[in-house]
C-alpha atoms as a PDB file:
ATOM      1  CA  UNK A   1     -32.453   8.175  12.623  1.00  0.00           C
ATOM      2  CA  UNK A   2     -33.182   6.159   9.669  1.00  0.00           C
ATOM      3  CA  UNK A   3     -36.798   5.464   9.012  1.00  0.00           C
ATOM      4  CA  UNK A   4     -37.347   1.544   8.133  1.00  0.00           C
ATOM      5  CA  UNK A   5     -39.591   0.521   5.535  1.00  0.00           C
ATOM      6  CA  UNK A   6     -42.662  -1.990   5.917  1.00  0.00           C
ATOM      7  CA  UNK A   7     -41.495  -5.490   5.536  1.00  0.00           C
ATOM      8  CA  UNK A   8     -43.647  -5.355   2.641  1.00  0.00           C
ATOM      9  CA  UNK A   9     -41.366  -2.865   1.259  1.00  0.00           C
ATOM     10  CA  UNK A  10     -38.266  -4.274   1.732  1.00  0.00           C
ATOM     11  CA  UNK A  11     -38.355  -7.222  -0.110  1.00  0.00           C
ATOM     12  CA  UNK A  12     -38.740  -4.836  -3.567  1.00  0.00           C
ATOM     13  CA  UNK A  13     -35.910  -2.783  -2.370  1.00  0.00           C
ATOM     14  CA  UNK A  14     -33.603  -5.852  -2.034  1.00  0.00           C
ATOM     15  CA  UNK A  15     -34.575  -7.359  -5.829  1.00  0.00           C
ATOM     16  CA  UNK A  16     -33.986  -3.923  -6.830  1.00  0.00           C
ATOM     17  CA  UNK A  17     -30.751  -3.688  -5.848  1.00  0.00           C
ATOM     18  CA  UNK A  18     -29.459  -7.439  -6.676  1.00  0.00           C
ATOM     19  CA  UNK A  19     -31.283  -6.984  -9.577  1.00  0.00           C
ATOM     20  CA  UNK A  20     -29.443  -3.926 -10.718  1.00  0.00           C
ATOM     21  CA  UNK A  21     -25.857  -5.424 -10.375  1.00  0.00           C
ATOM     22  CA  UNK A  22     -27.658  -8.534 -12.274  1.00  0.00           C
ATOM     23  CA  UNK A  23     -28.217  -6.303 -14.864  1.00  0.00           C
ATOM     24  CA  UNK A  24     -24.656  -4.459 -14.967  1.00  0.00           C
ATOM     25  CA  UNK A  25     -23.274  -7.927 -15.438  1.00  0.00           C
ATOM     26  CA  UNK A  26     -25.313  -8.890 -18.011  1.00  0.00           C
ATOM     27  CA  UNK A  27     -24.871  -5.374 -19.868  1.00  0.00           C
ATOM     28  CA  UNK A  28     -20.775  -5.691 -19.562  1.00  0.00           C
ATOM     29  CA  UNK A  29     -19.280  -4.899 -22.704  1.00  0.00           C
ATOM     30  CA  UNK A  30     -15.936  -5.351 -21.850  1.00  0.00           C
ATOM     31  CA  UNK A  31     -16.325  -8.878 -21.416  1.00  0.00           C
ATOM     32  CA  UNK A  32     -15.651  -9.557 -17.755  1.00  0.00           C
ATOM     33  CA  UNK A  33     -19.100  -9.651 -16.115  1.00  0.00           C
ATOM     34  CA  UNK A  34     -17.435 -11.543 -13.236  1.00  0.00           C
ATOM     35  CA  UNK A  35     -15.721  -8.340 -12.247  1.00  0.00           C
ATOM     36  CA  UNK A  36     -18.905  -6.269 -12.538  1.00  0.00           C
ATOM     37  CA  UNK A  37     -21.006  -8.492 -10.665  1.00  0.00           C
ATOM     38  CA  UNK A  38     -17.627  -8.833  -7.976  1.00  0.00           C
ATOM     39  CA  UNK A  39     -17.724  -4.936  -7.359  1.00  0.00           C
ATOM     40  CA  UNK A  40     -21.530  -4.511  -7.362  1.00  0.00           C
ATOM     41  CA  UNK A  41     -21.434  -7.257  -4.152  1.00  0.00           C
ATOM     42  CA  UNK A  42     -18.735  -5.180  -2.406  1.00  0.00           C
ATOM     43  CA  UNK A  43     -20.991  -2.246  -3.479  1.00  0.00           C
ATOM     44  CA  UNK A  44     -24.118  -3.682  -2.286  1.00  0.00           C
ATOM     45  CA  UNK A  45     -21.942  -5.275   0.770  1.00  0.00           C
ATOM     46  CA  UNK A  46     -20.955  -1.232   1.643  1.00  0.00           C
ATOM     47  CA  UNK A  47     -23.908   0.403   1.167  1.00  0.00           C
ATOM     48  CA  UNK A  48     -24.770   2.298   3.868  1.00  0.00           C
ATOM     49  CA  UNK A  49     -28.126   4.621   4.994  1.00  0.00           C
ATOM     50  CA  UNK A  50     -31.834   2.797   4.189  1.00  0.00           C
ATOM     51  CA  UNK A  51     -30.698   0.560   1.406  1.00  0.00           C
ATOM     52  CA  UNK A  52     -27.413  -0.655   3.345  1.00  0.00           C
ATOM     53  CA  UNK A  53     -29.702  -1.315   6.422  1.00  0.00           C
ATOM     54  CA  UNK A  54     -32.304  -3.296   4.531  1.00  0.00           C
ATOM     55  CA  UNK A  55     -29.396  -5.173   2.490  1.00  0.00           C
ATOM     56  CA  UNK A  56     -27.735  -6.068   6.073  1.00  0.00           C
ATOM     57  CA  UNK A  57     -30.810  -7.611   7.688  1.00  0.00           C
ATOM     58  CA  UNK A  58     -30.946 -10.945   8.082  1.00  0.00           C
ATOM     59  CA  UNK A  59     -34.072 -12.465   6.516  1.00  0.00           C
ATOM     60  CA  UNK A  60     -35.555 -15.522   7.984  1.00  0.00           C
ATOM     61  CA  UNK A  61     -34.718 -18.909   6.401  1.00  0.00           C
ATOM     62  CA  UNK A  62     -31.258 -17.532   5.177  1.00  0.00           C
ATOM     63  CA  UNK A  63     -27.904 -19.486   6.400  1.00  0.00           C
ATOM     64  CA  UNK A  64     -25.550 -16.357   6.471  1.00  0.00           C
END
């Protein structure tokens, strides 16, 4: 059983996860940040556990 974080804790967790992918893309020294961003997006969409549950949750006001 996974303990869901509070609504106030979910926002920073989501922001940190997406921010990590953004930073990885910006720091890519091989010259292909789009590949890093794609791999990061795949990692976020296949995340499991607490982070996976928070990222998979549909937020109000989003179209997806």
